[in-house]
């Protein structure tokens, strides 16, 4: 396993990166602060993602975290150091929203590897990733209501994964839910024993890496676009996407390989 070049952000050590076999593993690295999303942490993660977006060698991203907690949400101590500064608060939430959007628009698939508690913007981060696997000890919450700050931006991502009444219950109670409950309501894909978490995530990433990168890029973009469209518009759009996809070299190779009963050799 090789360590990738440092991020362009000033605080690159806040998000570590290791590459192996087409997979970039990013690790949130503020364990003492439960990986709270300070402005510096968000800048470091954004820099890592921006770099990966242009790297054809990277075909999948795993987003993990150091320490006992996955992500405690925004850094409330940092925010309270700017008490009463509305412009600063807007900048915090705009920065976070841009970060979340960049994950959705990243060409590569992103898998959240959740080993501990993910609250508020931490649950938002999990919901924003394309896939998520959690250890059985992980917990999730949208607890802003408990401190007088409704989790309005986190609910954007969570409500696009989870049915409305489940999201609303999380929002108005602020209670922690178990990993198993998170799986049941669609916030995450799988729950595994803590000792099996890294291997399970790596196995899923390896499955993704074996697919055509071009096809996955096309498919990810189409998925997020169509899901926001009315039904007729979604079919019209995805029909055009598939027609164009059929012209791609990897589609020709994949179909030919299927007919010939052999493994495909992807162009990219």
Protein backbone atom coordinates (compact mmCIF):
# COMPACT_ATOMS: atom_id res chain seq x y z
CA UNK A 1 0.00 0.00 0.00
CA UNK A 2 1.38 3.39 -1.00
CA UNK A 3 0.78 6.75 0.60
CA UNK A 4 -0.52 9.31 -1.90
CA UNK A 5 0.96 12.81 -2.29
CA UNK A 6 -0.19 15.32 0.32
CA UNK A 7 -3.43 17.26 -0.16
CA UNK A 8 -3.27 20.87 -1.26
CA UNK A 9 -5.06 21.97 1.92
CA UNK A 10 -2.95 23.53 4.64
CA UNK A 11 -4.09 20.92 7.16
CA UNK A 12 -3.64 17.78 5.05
CA UNK A 13 -2.93 15.68 8.14
CA UNK A 14 -6.59 16.09 9.10
CA UNK A 15 -7.56 13.74 6.27
CA UNK A 16 -5.07 10.96 5.58
CA UNK A 17 -4.89 9.17 2.26
CA UNK A 18 -3.61 5.75 1.24
CA UNK A 19 -3.94 4.20 -2.23
CA UNK A 20 -3.93 0.55 -3.23
CA UNK A 21 -5.37 -1.41 -6.18
CA UNK A 22 -7.39 1.49 -7.58
CA UNK A 23 -8.89 2.38 -4.19
CA UNK A 24 -8.20 5.63 -2.34
CA UNK A 25 -8.76 5.32 1.39
CA UNK A 26 -9.42 8.66 3.10
CA UNK A 27 -9.37 8.76 6.90
CA UNK A 28 -10.79 11.62 8.94
CA UNK A 29 -8.08 12.26 11.50
CA UNK A 30 -9.31 14.33 14.45
CA UNK A 31 -10.01 11.43 16.80
CA UNK A 32 -9.86 13.51 19.99
CA UNK A 33 -12.63 15.74 18.59
CA UNK A 34 -14.62 12.76 17.25
CA UNK A 35 -13.65 14.01 13.78
CA UNK A 36 -15.85 17.09 14.04
CA UNK A 37 -16.04 19.03 10.79
CA UNK A 38 -14.04 22.15 11.53
CA UNK A 39 -13.45 24.54 8.65
CA UNK A 40 -9.93 23.10 8.38
CA UNK A 41 -11.21 19.52 8.30
CA UNK A 42 -13.70 20.36 5.55
CA UNK A 43 -10.99 22.13 3.54
CA UNK A 44 -8.68 19.12 3.86
CA UNK A 45 -11.40 16.67 2.78
CA UNK A 46 -12.41 18.93 -0.10
CA UNK A 47 -8.80 19.10 -1.29
CA UNK A 48 -8.51 15.31 -1.20
CA UNK A 49 -11.70 14.86 -3.19
CA UNK A 50 -10.75 17.52 -5.73
CA UNK A 51 -7.46 15.73 -6.35
CA UNK A 52 -9.11 12.32 -6.68
CA UNK A 53 -11.72 13.60 -9.14
CA UNK A 54 -9.04 14.03 -11.78
CA UNK A 55 -7.16 10.80 -11.14
CA UNK A 56 -8.09 8.01 -13.55
CA UNK A 57 -6.09 5.50 -11.50
CA UNK A 58 -8.54 5.88 -8.61
CA UNK A 59 -11.72 3.90 -9.25
CA UNK A 60 -13.29 3.87 -5.79
CA UNK A 61 -13.00 5.86 -2.55
CA UNK A 62 -13.42 4.61 1.00
CA UNK A 63 -14.17 7.29 3.58
CA UNK A 64 -13.18 6.08 7.04
CA UNK A 65 -12.36 7.73 10.37
CA UNK A 66 -9.79 7.42 13.13
CA UNK A 67 -10.68 6.87 16.76
CA UNK A 68 -13.93 5.84 18.47
CA UNK A 69 -16.25 8.20 16.60
CA UNK A 70 -16.90 8.49 12.86
CA UNK A 71 -17.94 12.15 12.84
CA UNK A 72 -19.61 14.32 15.47
CA UNK A 73 -20.91 16.85 12.97
CA UNK A 74 -19.87 20.49 12.87
CA UNK A 75 -17.25 21.78 15.29
CA UNK A 76 -19.53 23.63 17.72
CA UNK A 77 -16.63 25.01 19.78
CA UNK A 78 -15.17 26.62 16.67
CA UNK A 79 -18.56 28.01 15.70
CA UNK A 80 -19.17 29.47 19.16
CA UNK A 81 -15.83 31.26 18.94
CA UNK A 82 -17.60 33.32 16.25
CA UNK A 83 -20.78 33.86 18.29
CA UNK A 84 -23.18 36.22 16.60
CA UNK A 85 -21.29 36.30 13.28
CA UNK A 86 -24.00 35.46 10.76
CA UNK A 87 -21.62 35.76 7.80
CA UNK A 88 -19.29 33.21 9.35
CA UNK A 89 -22.13 30.79 10.02
CA UNK A 90 -23.31 31.08 6.42
CA UNK A 91 -19.74 30.37 5.28
CA UNK A 92 -19.61 27.22 7.44
CA UNK A 93 -22.81 25.79 6.04
CA UNK A 94 -22.00 26.83 2.46
CA UNK A 95 -18.61 25.12 2.78
CA UNK A 96 -20.25 21.96 4.11
CA UNK A 97 -22.93 21.96 1.42
CA UNK A 98 -20.28 22.33 -1.31
CA UNK A 99 -18.33 19.45 0.24
CA UNK A 100 -21.35 17.16 0.31
CA UNK A 101 -22.28 18.08 -3.25
CA UNK A 102 -18.76 17.32 -4.44
CA UNK A 103 -19.08 13.76 -3.09
CA UNK A 104 -22.27 13.26 -5.09
CA UNK A 105 -20.61 14.68 -8.21
CA UNK A 106 -17.34 12.82 -7.80
CA UNK A 107 -16.83 10.47 -10.78
CA UNK A 108 -15.80 7.64 -8.46
CA UNK A 109 -18.08 5.74 -6.09
CA UNK A 110 -17.61 6.63 -2.41
CA UNK A 111 -18.17 4.12 0.40
CA UNK A 112 -18.53 5.29 4.00
CA UNK A 113 -16.87 2.94 6.50
CA UNK A 114 -18.55 3.80 9.80
CA UNK A 115 -16.88 2.43 12.90
CA UNK A 116 -18.51 4.64 15.56
CA UNK A 117 -21.06 7.34 16.21
CA UNK A 118 -22.10 9.64 13.34
CA UNK A 119 -24.22 12.58 14.42
CA UNK A 120 -25.70 15.65 12.68
CA UNK A 121 -23.37 16.51 9.76
CA UNK A 122 -21.69 13.16 10.45
CA UNK A 123 -24.93 11.37 9.52
CA UNK A 124 -25.19 13.79 6.60
CA UNK A 125 -21.75 12.66 5.45
CA UNK A 126 -22.76 8.99 5.65
CA UNK A 127 -26.00 9.66 3.77
CA UNK A 128 -24.14 11.61 1.09
CA UNK A 129 -21.73 8.77 0.30
CA UNK A 130 -22.95 6.43 -2.43
CA UNK A 131 -22.74 3.37 -0.19
CA UNK A 132 -22.21 2.84 3.53
CA UNK A 133 -21.11 -0.08 5.70
CA UNK A 134 -21.20 0.20 9.47
CA UNK A 135 -19.87 -1.76 12.40
CA UNK A 136 -22.55 -3.15 14.67
CA UNK A 137 -21.41 -0.72 17.39
CA UNK A 138 -22.03 2.34 15.19
CA UNK A 139 -24.83 4.77 16.05
CA UNK A 140 -26.52 7.56 14.12
CA UNK A 141 -28.45 10.68 15.12
CA UNK A 142 -29.70 14.07 14.01
CA UNK A 143 -29.56 15.62 17.50
CA UNK A 144 -29.54 19.33 16.71
CA UNK A 145 -33.00 19.76 18.21
CA UNK A 146 -31.50 18.91 21.62
CA UNK A 147 -29.32 22.04 21.53
CA UNK A 148 -31.78 24.38 19.82
CA UNK A 149 -30.24 24.00 16.35
CA UNK A 150 -32.44 21.97 13.99
CA UNK A 151 -30.42 19.70 11.68
CA UNK A 152 -31.67 21.46 8.55
CA UNK A 153 -28.72 20.85 6.23
CA UNK A 154 -28.11 17.25 7.41
CA UNK A 155 -31.75 16.44 6.67
CA UNK A 156 -31.20 17.23 2.98
CA UNK A 157 -28.94 14.20 2.51
CA UNK A 158 -30.70 11.95 5.02
CA UNK A 159 -34.16 12.63 3.56
CA UNK A 160 -32.85 11.56 0.16
CA UNK A 161 -31.99 8.14 1.62
CA UNK A 162 -34.64 7.50 4.25
CA UNK A 163 -38.46 7.65 4.20
CA UNK A 164 -39.94 10.88 5.53
CA UNK A 165 -41.44 9.66 8.77
CA UNK A 166 -38.20 7.94 9.81
CA UNK A 167 -36.24 11.12 9.06
CA UNK A 168 -38.71 13.30 10.90
CA UNK A 169 -38.53 11.07 13.96
CA UNK A 170 -34.74 11.36 13.96
CA UNK A 171 -34.99 15.15 13.54
CA UNK A 172 -37.55 15.87 16.26
CA UNK A 173 -36.32 13.40 18.88
CA UNK A 174 -32.57 13.68 18.35
CA UNK A 175 -32.23 10.11 19.58
CA UNK A 176 -29.42 7.79 18.58
CA UNK A 177 -30.43 4.84 16.43
CA UNK A 178 -28.55 1.59 16.13
CA UNK A 179 -26.62 0.45 13.08
CA UNK A 180 -29.21 -2.24 12.50
CA UNK A 181 -32.01 0.33 12.57
CA UNK A 182 -30.02 2.54 10.20
CA UNK A 183 -29.79 -0.38 7.80
CA UNK A 184 -33.50 -1.13 8.09
CA UNK A 185 -34.50 2.42 7.18
CA UNK A 186 -32.01 2.72 4.31
CA UNK A 187 -29.37 5.04 5.77
CA UNK A 188 -26.65 2.38 5.34
CA UNK A 189 -26.25 -0.79 3.28
CA UNK A 190 -24.70 -3.34 5.62
CA UNK A 191 -23.92 -3.99 9.28
CA UNK A 192 -20.97 -6.17 10.22
CA UNK A 193 -19.03 -7.04 13.39
CA UNK A 194 -16.42 -4.36 14.19
CA UNK A 195 -13.54 -6.73 13.46
CA UNK A 196 -14.90 -7.39 9.97
CA UNK A 197 -15.60 -3.78 8.99
CA UNK A 198 -12.42 -2.96 7.05
CA UNK A 199 -12.46 -6.27 5.19
CA UNK A 200 -16.14 -5.91 4.26
CA UNK A 201 -15.62 -2.40 2.93
CA UNK A 202 -12.49 -3.41 1.04
CA UNK A 203 -14.36 -6.32 -0.50
CA UNK A 204 -17.16 -4.08 -1.74
CA UNK A 205 -14.63 -1.58 -3.09
CA UNK A 206 -12.84 -4.40 -4.94
CA UNK A 207 -16.12 -5.42 -6.59
CA UNK A 208 -16.60 -1.85 -7.78
CA UNK A 209 -13.02 -1.54 -9.05
CA UNK A 210 -13.58 -4.61 -11.24
CA UNK A 211 -16.31 -2.80 -13.21
CA UNK A 212 -15.83 -0.38 -16.11
CA UNK A 213 -14.85 3.03 -14.67
CA UNK A 214 -16.55 4.79 -17.59
CA UNK A 215 -19.78 2.91 -17.01
CA UNK A 216 -19.78 3.64 -13.29
CA UNK A 217 -19.13 7.34 -13.92
CA UNK A 218 -22.02 7.53 -16.38
CA UNK A 219 -24.28 5.54 -14.09
CA UNK A 220 -23.55 7.51 -10.93
CA UNK A 221 -24.21 10.84 -12.61
CA UNK A 222 -27.43 9.55 -14.18
CA UNK A 223 -28.65 8.08 -10.90
CA UNK A 224 -28.47 11.35 -8.99
CA UNK A 225 -29.94 13.38 -11.84
CA UNK A 226 -32.90 11.13 -12.57
CA UNK A 227 -33.91 10.65 -8.97
CA UNK A 228 -34.88 14.33 -8.75
CA UNK A 229 -36.91 14.28 -12.01
CA UNK A 230 -40.59 13.59 -12.67
CA UNK A 231 -41.19 10.08 -14.02
CA UNK A 232 -41.56 10.94 -17.71
CA UNK A 233 -38.53 13.22 -17.65
CA UNK A 234 -36.48 10.55 -15.87
CA UNK A 235 -37.27 7.94 -18.52
CA UNK A 236 -36.52 10.37 -21.35
CA UNK A 237 -33.21 11.36 -19.78
CA UNK A 238 -32.05 7.85 -18.88
CA UNK A 239 -33.07 6.51 -22.30
CA UNK A 240 -30.73 9.05 -23.87
CA UNK A 241 -28.00 8.16 -21.38
CA UNK A 242 -28.29 4.46 -22.23
CA UNK A 243 -28.27 5.15 -25.96
CA UNK A 244 -25.05 7.13 -25.58
CA UNK A 245 -23.62 4.51 -23.21
CA UNK A 246 -24.18 1.85 -25.89
CA UNK A 247 -21.71 3.72 -28.13
CA UNK A 248 -18.92 3.56 -25.54
CA UNK A 249 -16.01 1.21 -26.13
CA UNK A 250 -16.52 -0.47 -22.74
CA UNK A 251 -20.16 -1.23 -23.54
CA UNK A 252 -19.20 -2.80 -26.86
CA UNK A 253 -16.48 -4.81 -25.12
CA UNK A 254 -18.73 -5.84 -22.24
CA UNK A 255 -21.57 -7.03 -24.45
CA UNK A 256 -19.19 -8.83 -26.78
CA UNK A 257 -17.49 -10.52 -23.83
CA UNK A 258 -20.88 -11.58 -22.44
CA UNK A 259 -21.87 -13.11 -25.79
CA UNK A 260 -18.46 -14.79 -26.13
CA UNK A 261 -18.67 -16.03 -22.51
CA UNK A 262 -15.35 -14.48 -21.47
CA UNK A 263 -14.30 -11.83 -18.94
CA UNK A 264 -14.33 -8.29 -20.36
CA UNK A 265 -11.20 -6.17 -20.71
CA UNK A 266 -12.11 -2.58 -19.94
CA UNK A 267 -10.53 0.20 -21.96
CA UNK A 268 -9.94 2.48 -18.95
